[in-house]
Amino acid sequence: MNNDRDAVERALSDRPLSDPKRIRTRQALLEAASDVVVTKGPNALNLRRVADAVGVSTQMIYTMFGNKEGLLEALLVEGADRLYQRLDSVSDDLSERERLFELG
């Protein structure tokens, strides 16, 4: 099993950052990490558990994010991006109150 995992990871790490499979793996790691942070807090984030949840080794996390702090930073950036996208989706023609309800 580990040999298969290692082969997949080598193939993924050689792919360009824009490769769809690499993007899906990165997104899966972020979602697994987000689940831990939301339910148990950032101090409970364990790279081994995140990697196991996605079916990769911790080396893939280090390859994609550098370290645990890099993974947390990526979560923060992704969350901020989603917030800004949501804020931008609300019409400026609405009153402040209407915009708040629209964001709801």
PDB file of N, CA and C in Angstrom:
ATOM      1  N   MET A   1       0.828  -1.205   0.000  1.00  0.00           N
ATOM      2  CA  MET A   1       0.000   0.000   0.000  1.00  0.00           C
ATOM      3  C   MET A   1       0.862   1.254   0.000  1.00  0.00           C
ATOM      4  N   ASN A   2       1.885   1.301   0.850  1.00  0.00           N
ATOM      5  CA  ASN A   2       2.747   2.478   0.900  1.00  0.00           C
ATOM      6  C   ASN A   2       3.464   2.710  -0.423  1.00  0.00           C
ATOM      7  N   ASN A   3       3.855   1.636  -1.114  1.00  0.00           N
ATOM      8  CA  ASN A   3       4.518   1.798  -2.400  1.00  0.00           C
ATOM      9  C   ASN A   3       3.595   2.452  -3.405  1.00  0.00           C
ATOM     10  N   ASP A   4       2.311   2.061  -3.397  1.00  0.00           N
ATOM     11  CA  ASP A   4       1.333   2.690  -4.283  1.00  0.00           C
ATOM     12  C   ASP A   4       1.160   4.164  -3.929  1.00  0.00           C
ATOM     13  N   ARG A   5       1.067   4.435  -2.639  1.00  0.00           N
ATOM     14  CA  ARG A   5       0.901   5.813  -2.171  1.00  0.00           C
ATOM     15  C   ARG A   5       2.106   6.654  -2.576  1.00  0.00           C
ATOM     16  N   ASP A   6       3.297   6.102  -2.395  1.00  0.00           N
ATOM     17  CA  ASP A   6       4.519   6.822  -2.761  1.00  0.00           C
ATOM     18  C   ASP A   6       4.569   7.115  -4.256  1.00  0.00           C
ATOM     19  N   ALA A   7       4.173   6.158  -5.069  1.00  0.00           N
ATOM     20  CA  ALA A   7       4.185   6.350  -6.522  1.00  0.00           C
ATOM     21  C   ALA A   7       3.210   7.449  -6.928  1.00  0.00           C
ATOM     22  N   VAL A   8       2.024   7.445  -6.325  1.00  0.00           N
ATOM     23  CA  VAL A   8       1.028   8.485  -6.629  1.00  0.00           C
ATOM     24  C   VAL A   8       1.559   9.846  -6.222  1.00  0.00           C
ATOM     25  N   GLU A   9       2.173   9.933  -5.052  1.00  0.00           N
ATOM     26  CA  GLU A   9       2.682  11.211  -4.566  1.00  0.00           C
ATOM     27  C   GLU A   9       3.824  11.738  -5.431  1.00  0.00           C
ATOM     28  N   ARG A  10       4.703  10.852  -5.866  1.00  0.00           N
ATOM     29  CA  ARG A  10       5.780  11.303  -6.762  1.00  0.00           C
ATOM     30  C   ARG A  10       5.192  11.862  -8.050  1.00  0.00           C
ATOM     31  N   ALA A  11       4.197  11.178  -8.576  1.00  0.00           N
ATOM     32  CA  ALA A  11       3.556  11.648  -9.809  1.00  0.00           C
ATOM     33  C   ALA A  11       2.869  12.988  -9.581  1.00  0.00           C
ATOM     34  N   LEU A  12       2.200  13.144  -8.445  1.00  0.00           N
ATOM     35  CA  LEU A  12       1.518  14.410  -8.150  1.00  0.00           C
ATOM     36  C   LEU A  12       2.501  15.550  -7.962  1.00  0.00           C
ATOM     37  N   SER A  13       3.588  15.311  -7.251  1.00  0.00           N
ATOM     38  CA  SER A  13       4.521  16.400  -6.966  1.00  0.00           C
ATOM     39  C   SER A  13       5.272  16.845  -8.218  1.00  0.00           C
ATOM     40  N   ASP A  14       5.323  15.989  -9.242  1.00  0.00           N
ATOM     41  CA  ASP A  14       5.964  16.374 -10.501  1.00  0.00           C
ATOM     42  C   ASP A  14       5.025  17.151 -11.415  1.00  0.00           C
ATOM     43  N   ARG A  15       3.748  17.151 -11.110  1.00  0.00           N
ATOM     44  CA  ARG A  15       2.768  17.838 -11.962  1.00  0.00           C
ATOM     45  C   ARG A  15       2.798  19.340 -11.685  1.00  0.00           C
ATOM     46  N   PRO A  16       2.432  20.124 -12.704  1.00  0.00           N
ATOM     47  CA  PRO A  16       2.370  21.579 -12.477  1.00  0.00           C
ATOM     48  C   PRO A  16       1.274  21.920 -11.469  1.00  0.00           C
ATOM     49  N   LEU A  17       1.401  23.066 -10.833  1.00  0.00           N
ATOM     50  CA  LEU A  17       0.436  23.479  -9.814  1.00  0.00           C
ATOM     51  C   LEU A  17      -0.981  23.580 -10.358  1.00  0.00           C
ATOM     52  N   SER A  18      -1.125  23.796 -11.663  1.00  0.00           N
ATOM     53  CA  SER A  18      -2.441  23.948 -12.275  1.00  0.00           C
ATOM     54  C   SER A  18      -3.064  22.612 -12.682  1.00  0.00           C
ATOM     55  N   ASP A  19      -2.376  21.499 -12.450  1.00  0.00           N
ATOM     56  CA  ASP A  19      -2.878  20.185 -12.821  1.00  0.00           C
ATOM     57  C   ASP A  19      -4.142  19.860 -12.033  1.00  0.00           C
ATOM     58  N   PRO A  20      -5.220  19.408 -12.696  1.00  0.00           N
ATOM     59  CA  PRO A  20      -6.484  19.140 -12.000  1.00  0.00           C
ATOM     60  C   PRO A  20      -6.367  18.126 -10.861  1.00  0.00           C
ATOM     61  N   LYS A  21      -5.586  17.073 -11.034  1.00  0.00           N
ATOM     62  CA  LYS A  21      -5.451  16.078  -9.967  1.00  0.00           C
ATOM     63  C   LYS A  21      -4.731  16.674  -8.759  1.00  0.00           C
ATOM     64  N   ARG A  22      -3.727  17.477  -9.022  1.00  0.00           N
ATOM     65  CA  ARG A  22      -3.014  18.123  -7.918  1.00  0.00           C
ATOM     66  C   ARG A  22      -3.922  19.121  -7.207  1.00  0.00           C
ATOM     67  N   ILE A  23      -4.734  19.831  -7.973  1.00  0.00           N
ATOM     68  CA  ILE A  23      -5.685  20.777  -7.384  1.00  0.00           C
ATOM     69  C   ILE A  23      -6.694  20.035  -6.516  1.00  0.00           C
ATOM     70  N   ARG A  24      -7.199  18.894  -6.988  1.00  0.00           N
ATOM     71  CA  ARG A  24      -8.164  18.104  -6.202  1.00  0.00           C
ATOM     72  C   ARG A  24      -7.532  17.585  -4.907  1.00  0.00           C
ATOM     73  N   THR A  25      -6.295  17.133  -4.993  1.00  0.00           N
ATOM     74  CA  THR A  25      -5.613  16.641  -3.790  1.00  0.00           C
ATOM     75  C   THR A  25      -5.420  17.775  -2.795  1.00  0.00           C
ATOM     76  N   ARG A  26      -4.998  18.928  -3.290  1.00  0.00           N
ATOM     77  CA  ARG A  26      -4.799  20.088  -2.415  1.00  0.00           C
ATOM     78  C   ARG A  26      -6.122  20.469  -1.748  1.00  0.00           C
ATOM     79  N   GLN A  27      -7.203  20.479  -2.538  1.00  0.00           N
ATOM     80  CA  GLN A  27      -8.509  20.839  -1.999  1.00  0.00           C
ATOM     81  C   GLN A  27      -8.967  19.819  -0.956  1.00  0.00           C
ATOM     82  N   ALA A  28      -8.726  18.540  -1.219  1.00  0.00           N
ATOM     83  CA  ALA A  28      -9.104  17.506  -0.256  1.00  0.00           C
ATOM     84  C   ALA A  28      -8.335  17.669   1.056  1.00  0.00           C
ATOM     85  N   LEU A  29      -7.055  18.016   0.965  1.00  0.00           N
ATOM     86  CA  LEU A  29      -6.259  18.254   2.176  1.00  0.00           C
ATOM     87  C   LEU A  29      -6.800  19.458   2.941  1.00  0.00           C
ATOM     88  N   LEU A  30      -7.145  20.517   2.224  1.00  0.00           N
ATOM     89  CA  LEU A  30      -7.693  21.704   2.889  1.00  0.00           C
ATOM     90  C   LEU A  30      -9.031  21.388   3.552  1.00  0.00           C
ATOM     91  N   GLU A  31      -9.873  20.600   2.882  1.00  0.00           N
ATOM     92  CA  GLU A  31     -11.164  20.250   3.471  1.00  0.00           C
ATOM     93  C   GLU A  31     -10.994  19.384   4.718  1.00  0.00           C
ATOM     94  N   ALA A  32     -10.078  18.427   4.659  1.00  0.00           N
ATOM     95  CA  ALA A  32      -9.829  17.571   5.828  1.00  0.00           C
ATOM     96  C   ALA A  32      -9.279  18.400   6.989  1.00  0.00           C
ATOM     97  N   ALA A  33      -8.368  19.311   6.689  1.00  0.00           N
ATOM     98  CA  ALA A  33      -7.806  20.173   7.731  1.00  0.00           C
ATOM     99  C   ALA A  33      -8.879  21.108   8.287  1.00  0.00           C
ATOM    100  N   SER A  34      -9.720  21.625   7.423  1.00  0.00           N
ATOM    101  CA  SER A  34     -10.792  22.514   7.852  1.00  0.00           C
ATOM    102  C   SER A  34     -11.746  21.805   8.797  1.00  0.00           C
ATOM    103  N   ASP A  35     -12.062  20.554   8.492  1.00  0.00           N
ATOM    104  CA  ASP A  35     -12.947  19.782   9.378  1.00  0.00           C
ATOM    105  C   ASP A  35     -12.380  19.698  10.789  1.00  0.00           C
ATOM    106  N   VAL A  36     -11.083  19.464  10.886  1.00  0.00           N
ATOM    107  CA  VAL A  36     -10.442  19.374  12.201  1.00  0.00           C
ATOM    108  C   VAL A  36     -10.476  20.731  12.900  1.00  0.00           C
ATOM    109  N   VAL A  37     -10.096  21.779  12.184  1.00  0.00           N
ATOM    110  CA  VAL A  37     -10.021  23.113  12.788  1.00  0.00           C
ATOM    111  C   VAL A  37     -11.402  23.579  13.243  1.00  0.00           C
ATOM    112  N   VAL A  38     -12.420  23.330  12.431  1.00  0.00           N
ATOM    113  CA  VAL A  38     -13.777  23.770  12.782  1.00  0.00           C
ATOM    114  C   VAL A  38     -14.323  22.994  13.982  1.00  0.00           C
ATOM    115  N   THR A  39     -14.075  21.688  14.011  1.00  0.00           N
ATOM    116  CA  THR A  39     -14.660  20.878  15.082  1.00  0.00           C
ATOM    117  C   THR A  39     -13.840  20.861  16.368  1.00  0.00           C
ATOM    118  N   LYS A  40     -12.498  20.942  16.241  1.00  0.00           N
ATOM    119  CA  LYS A  40     -11.658  20.781  17.430  1.00  0.00           C
ATOM    120  C   LYS A  40     -10.707  21.937  17.703  1.00  0.00           C
ATOM    121  N   GLY A  41     -10.608  22.870  16.761  1.00  0.00           N
ATOM    122  CA  GLY A  41      -9.712  24.002  16.938  1.00  0.00           C
ATOM    123  C   GLY A  41      -8.364  23.781  16.272  1.00  0.00           C
ATOM    124  N   PRO A  42      -7.650  24.872  15.979  1.00  0.00           N
ATOM    125  CA  PRO A  42      -6.388  24.767  15.253  1.00  0.00           C
ATOM    126  C   PRO A  42      -5.300  23.999  15.994  1.00  0.00           C
ATOM    127  N   ASN A  43      -5.333  24.001  17.320  1.00  0.00           N
ATOM    128  CA  ASN A  43      -4.310  23.265  18.085  1.00  0.00           C
ATOM    129  C   ASN A  43      -4.444  21.756  17.926  1.00  0.00           C
ATOM    130  N   ALA A  44      -5.617  21.297  17.513  1.00  0.00           N
ATOM    131  CA  ALA A  44      -5.850  19.863  17.342  1.00  0.00           C
ATOM    132  C   ALA A  44      -5.430  19.366  15.962  1.00  0.00           C
ATOM    133  N   LEU A  45      -5.010  20.281  15.089  1.00  0.00           N
ATOM    134  CA  LEU A  45      -4.636  19.885  13.730  1.00  0.00           C
ATOM    135  C   LEU A  45      -3.413  18.976  13.770  1.00  0.00           C
ATOM    136  N   ASN A  46      -3.569  17.791  13.206  1.00  0.00           N
ATOM    137  CA  ASN A  46      -2.510  16.786  13.183  1.00  0.00           C
ATOM    138  C   ASN A  46      -2.292  16.388  11.725  1.00  0.00           C
ATOM    139  N   LEU A  47      -1.095  16.615  11.209  1.00  0.00           N
ATOM    140  CA  LEU A  47      -0.820  16.357   9.796  1.00  0.00           C
ATOM    141  C   LEU A  47      -1.020  14.891   9.429  1.00  0.00           C
ATOM    142  N   ARG A  48      -0.678  13.985  10.312  1.00  0.00           N
ATOM    143  CA  ARG A  48      -0.864  12.552  10.037  1.00  0.00           C
ATOM    144  C   ARG A  48      -2.331  12.236   9.812  1.00  0.00           C
ATOM    145  N   ARG A  49      -3.207  12.740  10.680  1.00  0.00           N
ATOM    146  CA  ARG A  49      -4.642  12.469  10.534  1.00  0.00           C
ATOM    147  C   ARG A  49      -5.214  13.096   9.272  1.00  0.00           C
ATOM    148  N   VAL A  50      -4.767  14.295   8.955  1.00  0.00           N
ATOM    149  CA  VAL A  50      -5.227  14.953   7.726  1.00  0.00           C
ATOM    150  C   VAL A  50      -4.792  14.144   6.512  1.00  0.00           C
ATOM    151  N   ALA A  51      -3.534  13.750   6.497  1.00  0.00           N
ATOM    152  CA  ALA A  51      -3.012  12.960   5.377  1.00  0.00           C
ATOM    153  C   ALA A  51      -3.753  11.633   5.258  1.00  0.00           C
ATOM    154  N   ASP A  52      -3.972  10.957   6.370  1.00  0.00           N
ATOM    155  CA  ASP A  52      -4.684   9.682   6.356  1.00  0.00           C
ATOM    156  C   ASP A  52      -6.117   9.843   5.849  1.00  0.00           C
ATOM    157  N   ALA A  53      -6.763  10.930   6.211  1.00  0.00           N
ATOM    158  CA  ALA A  53      -8.137  11.173   5.771  1.00  0.00           C
ATOM    159  C   ALA A  53      -8.232  11.300   4.252  1.00  0.00           C
ATOM    160  N   VAL A  54      -7.160  11.784   3.644  1.00  0.00           N
ATOM    161  CA  VAL A  54      -7.138  11.990   2.192  1.00  0.00           C
ATOM    162  C   VAL A  54      -6.500  10.799   1.469  1.00  0.00           C
ATOM    163  N   GLY A  55      -5.755   9.992   2.195  1.00  0.00           N
ATOM    164  CA  GLY A  55      -5.099   8.846   1.581  1.00  0.00           C
ATOM    165  C   GLY A  55      -3.740   9.161   0.989  1.00  0.00           C
ATOM    166  N   VAL A  56      -3.049  10.134   1.595  1.00  0.00           N
ATOM    167  CA  VAL A  56      -1.693  10.486   1.171  1.00  0.00           C
ATOM    168  C   VAL A  56      -0.796  10.473   2.405  1.00  0.00           C
ATOM    169  N   SER A  57       0.492  10.619   2.195  1.00  0.00           N
ATOM    170  CA  SER A  57       1.407  10.687   3.334  1.00  0.00           C
ATOM    171  C   SER A  57       1.567  12.147   3.769  1.00  0.00           C
ATOM    172  N   THR A  58       2.150  12.320   4.933  1.00  0.00           N
ATOM    173  CA  THR A  58       2.400  13.686   5.399  1.00  0.00           C
ATOM    174  C   THR A  58       3.370  14.409   4.467  1.00  0.00           C
ATOM    175  N   GLN A  59       4.200  13.666   3.766  1.00  0.00           N
ATOM    176  CA  GLN A  59       5.141  14.294   2.828  1.00  0.00           C
ATOM    177  C   GLN A  59       4.399  15.116   1.778  1.00  0.00           C
ATOM    178  N   MET A  60       3.211  14.676   1.367  1.00  0.00           N
ATOM    179  CA  MET A  60       2.432  15.434   0.385  1.00  0.00           C
ATOM    180  C   MET A  60       2.020  16.777   0.973  1.00  0.00           C
ATOM    181  N   ILE A  61       1.686  16.805   2.249  1.00  0.00           N
ATOM    182  CA  ILE A  61       1.337  18.072   2.898  1.00  0.00           C
ATOM    183  C   ILE A  61       2.553  18.994   2.915  1.00  0.00           C
ATOM    184  N   TYR A  62       3.708  18.434   3.260  1.00  0.00           N
ATOM    185  CA  TYR A  62       4.926  19.245   3.261  1.00  0.00           C
ATOM    186  C   TYR A  62       5.260  19.744   1.860  1.00  0.00           C
ATOM    187  N   THR A  63       5.035  18.909   0.855  1.00  0.00           N
ATOM    188  CA  THR A  63       5.299  19.306  -0.534  1.00  0.00           C
ATOM    189  C   THR A  63       4.383  20.445  -0.954  1.00  0.00           C
ATOM    190  N   MET A  64       3.120  20.364  -0.576  1.00  0.00           N
ATOM    191  CA  MET A  64       2.138  21.352  -1.031  1.00  0.00           C
ATOM    192  C   MET A  64       2.091  22.609  -0.168  1.00  0.00           C
ATOM    193  N   PHE A  65       2.339  22.467   1.134  1.00  0.00           N
ATOM    194  CA  PHE A  65       2.134  23.600   2.044  1.00  0.00           C
ATOM    195  C   PHE A  65       3.374  24.002   2.846  1.00  0.00           C
ATOM    196  N   GLY A  66       4.409  23.208   2.813  1.00  0.00           N
ATOM    197  CA  GLY A  66       5.628  23.530   3.544  1.00  0.00           C
ATOM    198  C   GLY A  66       5.664  22.946   4.941  1.00  0.00           C
ATOM    199  N   ASN A  67       4.600  23.179   5.721  1.00  0.00           N
ATOM    200  CA  ASN A  67       4.517  22.678   7.089  1.00  0.00           C
ATOM    201  C   ASN A  67       3.100  22.910   7.614  1.00  0.00           C
ATOM    202  N   LYS A  68       2.892  22.623   8.874  1.00  0.00           N
ATOM    203  CA  LYS A  68       1.572  22.782   9.485  1.00  0.00           C
ATOM    204  C   LYS A  68       1.099  24.237   9.410  1.00  0.00           C
ATOM    205  N   GLU A  69       1.997  25.163   9.668  1.00  0.00           N
ATOM    206  CA  GLU A  69       1.639  26.577   9.619  1.00  0.00           C
ATOM    207  C   GLU A  69       1.241  26.990   8.201  1.00  0.00           C
ATOM    208  N   GLY A  70       1.922  26.425   7.201  1.00  0.00           N
ATOM    209  CA  GLY A  70       1.569  26.705   5.811  1.00  0.00           C
ATOM    210  C   GLY A  70       0.184  26.200   5.462  1.00  0.00           C
ATOM    211  N   LEU A  71      -0.172  25.041   6.008  1.00  0.00           N
ATOM    212  CA  LEU A  71      -1.511  24.492   5.800  1.00  0.00           C
ATOM    213  C   LEU A  71      -2.552  25.397   6.459  1.00  0.00           C
ATOM    214  N   LEU A  72      -2.288  25.829   7.678  1.00  0.00           N
ATOM    215  CA  LEU A  72      -3.213  26.744   8.362  1.00  0.00           C
ATOM    216  C   LEU A  72      -3.330  28.067   7.618  1.00  0.00           C
ATOM    217  N   GLU A  73      -2.210  28.573   7.103  1.00  0.00           N
ATOM    218  CA  GLU A  73      -2.241  29.819   6.333  1.00  0.00           C
ATOM    219  C   GLU A  73      -3.075  29.646   5.071  1.00  0.00           C
ATOM    220  N   ALA A  74      -2.940  28.512   4.397  1.00  0.00           N
ATOM    221  CA  ALA A  74      -3.733  28.249   3.190  1.00  0.00           C
ATOM    222  C   ALA A  74      -5.222  28.198   3.524  1.00  0.00           C
ATOM    223  N   LEU A  75      -5.560  27.626   4.684  1.00  0.00           N
ATOM    224  CA  LEU A  75      -6.964  27.615   5.125  1.00  0.00           C
ATOM    225  C   LEU A  75      -7.481  29.033   5.343  1.00  0.00           C
ATOM    226  N   LEU A  76      -6.670  29.857   5.965  1.00  0.00           N
ATOM    227  CA  LEU A  76      -7.047  31.243   6.222  1.00  0.00           C
ATOM    228  C   LEU A  76      -7.249  32.008   4.909  1.00  0.00           C
ATOM    229  N   VAL A  77      -6.319  31.849   3.989  1.00  0.00           N
ATOM    230  CA  VAL A  77      -6.415  32.547   2.695  1.00  0.00           C
ATOM    231  C   VAL A  77      -7.650  32.084   1.936  1.00  0.00           C
ATOM    232  N   GLU A  78      -7.898  30.777   1.920  1.00  0.00           N
ATOM    233  CA  GLU A  78      -9.066  30.262   1.211  1.00  0.00           C
ATOM    234  C   GLU A  78     -10.361  30.789   1.838  1.00  0.00           C
ATOM    235  N   GLY A  79     -10.417  30.812   3.157  1.00  0.00           N
ATOM    236  CA  GLY A  79     -11.597  31.337   3.840  1.00  0.00           C
ATOM    237  C   GLY A  79     -11.820  32.809   3.546  1.00  0.00           C
ATOM    238  N   ALA A  80     -10.755  33.582   3.544  1.00  0.00           N
ATOM    239  CA  ALA A  80     -10.863  35.011   3.228  1.00  0.00           C
ATOM    240  C   ALA A  80     -11.313  35.205   1.776  1.00  0.00           C
ATOM    241  N   ASP A  81     -10.788  34.395   0.869  1.00  0.00           N
ATOM    242  CA  ASP A  81     -11.207  34.485  -0.536  1.00  0.00           C
ATOM    243  C   ASP A  81     -12.698  34.204  -0.686  1.00  0.00           C
ATOM    244  N   ARG A  82     -13.188  33.167   0.008  1.00  0.00           N
ATOM    245  CA  ARG A  82     -14.625  32.853  -0.070  1.00  0.00           C
ATOM    246  C   ARG A  82     -15.462  33.987   0.501  1.00  0.00           C
ATOM    247  N   LEU A  83     -14.996  34.579   1.594  1.00  0.00           N
ATOM    248  CA  LEU A  83     -15.723  35.698   2.191  1.00  0.00           C
ATOM    249  C   LEU A  83     -15.788  36.879   1.230  1.00  0.00           C
ATOM    250  N   TYR A  84     -14.655  37.235   0.638  1.00  0.00           N
ATOM    251  CA  TYR A  84     -14.636  38.361  -0.303  1.00  0.00           C
ATOM    252  C   TYR A  84     -15.503  38.091  -1.529  1.00  0.00           C
ATOM    253  N   GLN A  85     -15.492  36.860  -2.024  1.00  0.00           N
ATOM    254  CA  GLN A  85     -16.351  36.518  -3.161  1.00  0.00           C
ATOM    255  C   GLN A  85     -17.818  36.679  -2.791  1.00  0.00           C
ATOM    256  N   ARG A  86     -18.153  36.228  -1.593  1.00  0.00           N
ATOM    257  CA  ARG A  86     -19.543  36.340  -1.139  1.00  0.00           C
ATOM    258  C   ARG A  86     -19.935  37.802  -0.966  1.00  0.00           C
ATOM    259  N   LEU A  87     -19.050  38.598  -0.401  1.00  0.00           N
ATOM    260  CA  LEU A  87     -19.342  40.023  -0.238  1.00  0.00           C
ATOM    261  C   LEU A  87     -19.494  40.716  -1.591  1.00  0.00           C
ATOM    262  N   ASP A  88     -18.658  40.352  -2.547  1.00  0.00           N
ATOM    263  CA  ASP A  88     -18.733  40.942  -3.883  1.00  0.00           C
ATOM    264  C   ASP A  88     -19.993  40.537  -4.632  1.00  0.00           C
ATOM    265  N   SER A  89     -20.606  39.420  -4.233  1.00  0.00           N
ATOM    266  CA  SER A  89     -21.786  38.942  -4.947  1.00  0.00           C
ATOM    267  C   SER A  89     -23.054  39.710  -4.571  1.00  0.00           C
ATOM    268  N   VAL A  90     -22.997  40.498  -3.506  1.00  0.00           N
ATOM    269  CA  VAL A  90     -24.162  41.246  -3.054  1.00  0.00           C
ATOM    270  C   VAL A  90     -24.189  42.612  -3.756  1.00  0.00           C
ATOM    271  N   SER A  91     -25.336  42.942  -4.264  1.00  0.00           N
ATOM    272  CA  SER A  91     -25.504  44.180  -5.022  1.00  0.00           C
ATOM    273  C   SER A  91     -25.228  45.417  -4.172  1.00  0.00           C
ATOM    274  N   ASP A  92     -24.528  46.368  -4.779  1.00  0.00           N
ATOM    275  CA  ASP A  92     -24.274  47.647  -4.106  1.00  0.00           C
ATOM    276  C   ASP A  92     -25.510  48.531  -4.094  1.00  0.00           C
ATOM    277  N   ASP A  93     -26.520  48.156  -4.875  1.00  0.00           N
ATOM    278  CA  ASP A  93     -27.744  48.959  -4.961  1.00  0.00           C
ATOM    279  C   ASP A  93     -28.662  48.753  -3.757  1.00  0.00           C
ATOM    280  N   LEU A  94     -28.348  47.792  -2.935  1.00  0.00           N
ATOM    281  CA  LEU A  94     -29.177  47.506  -1.765  1.00  0.00           C
ATOM    282  C   LEU A  94     -28.747  48.370  -0.582  1.00  0.00           C
ATOM    283  N   SER A  95     -29.682  48.572   0.348  1.00  0.00           N
ATOM    284  CA  SER A  95     -29.330  49.278   1.582  1.00  0.00           C
ATOM    285  C   SER A  95     -28.430  48.357   2.412  1.00  0.00           C
ATOM    286  N   GLU A  96     -27.798  48.947   3.413  1.00  0.00           N
ATOM    287  CA  GLU A  96     -26.918  48.139   4.269  1.00  0.00           C
ATOM    288  C   GLU A  96     -27.689  46.994   4.911  1.00  0.00           C
ATOM    289  N   ARG A  97     -28.879  47.268   5.366  1.00  0.00           N
ATOM    290  CA  ARG A  97     -29.709  46.242   5.998  1.00  0.00           C
ATOM    291  C   ARG A  97     -30.041  45.130   4.994  1.00  0.00           C
ATOM    292  N   GLU A  98     -30.426  45.510   3.783  1.00  0.00           N
ATOM    293  CA  GLU A  98     -30.750  44.517   2.744  1.00  0.00           C
ATOM    294  C   GLU A  98     -29.539  43.666   2.373  1.00  0.00           C
ATOM    295  N   ARG A  99     -28.362  44.314   2.348  1.00  0.00           N
ATOM    296  CA  ARG A  99     -27.155  43.571   2.051  1.00  0.00           C
ATOM    297  C   ARG A  99     -26.843  42.538   3.129  1.00  0.00           C
ATOM    298  N   LEU A 100     -27.046  42.916   4.393  1.00  0.00           N
ATOM    299  CA  LEU A 100     -26.842  41.972   5.484  1.00  0.00           C
ATOM    300  C   LEU A 100     -27.780  40.775   5.365  1.00  0.00           C
ATOM    301  N   PHE A 101     -29.057  41.047   5.033  1.00  0.00           N
ATOM    302  CA  PHE A 101     -30.002  39.946   4.865  1.00  0.00           C
ATOM    303  C   PHE A 101     -29.615  39.084   3.651  1.00  0.00           C
ATOM    304  N   GLU A 102     -29.126  39.720   2.614  1.00  0.00           N
ATOM    305  CA  GLU A 102     -28.709  38.999   1.409  1.00  0.00           C
ATOM    306  C   GLU A 102     -27.520  38.071   1.729  1.00  0.00           C
ATOM    307  N   LEU A 103     -26.627  38.526   2.582  1.00  0.00           N
ATOM    308  CA  LEU A 103     -25.481  37.698   2.968  1.00  0.00           C
ATOM    309  C   LEU A 103     -25.920  36.541   3.857  1.00  0.00           C
ATOM    310  N   GLY A 104     -26.998  36.782   4.608  1.00  0.00           N
ATOM    311  CA  GLY A 104     -27.630  35.894   5.519  1.00  0.00           C
ATOM    312  C   GLY A 104     -27.111  34.638   5.880  1.00  0.00           C
TER     313      GLY A 104
END
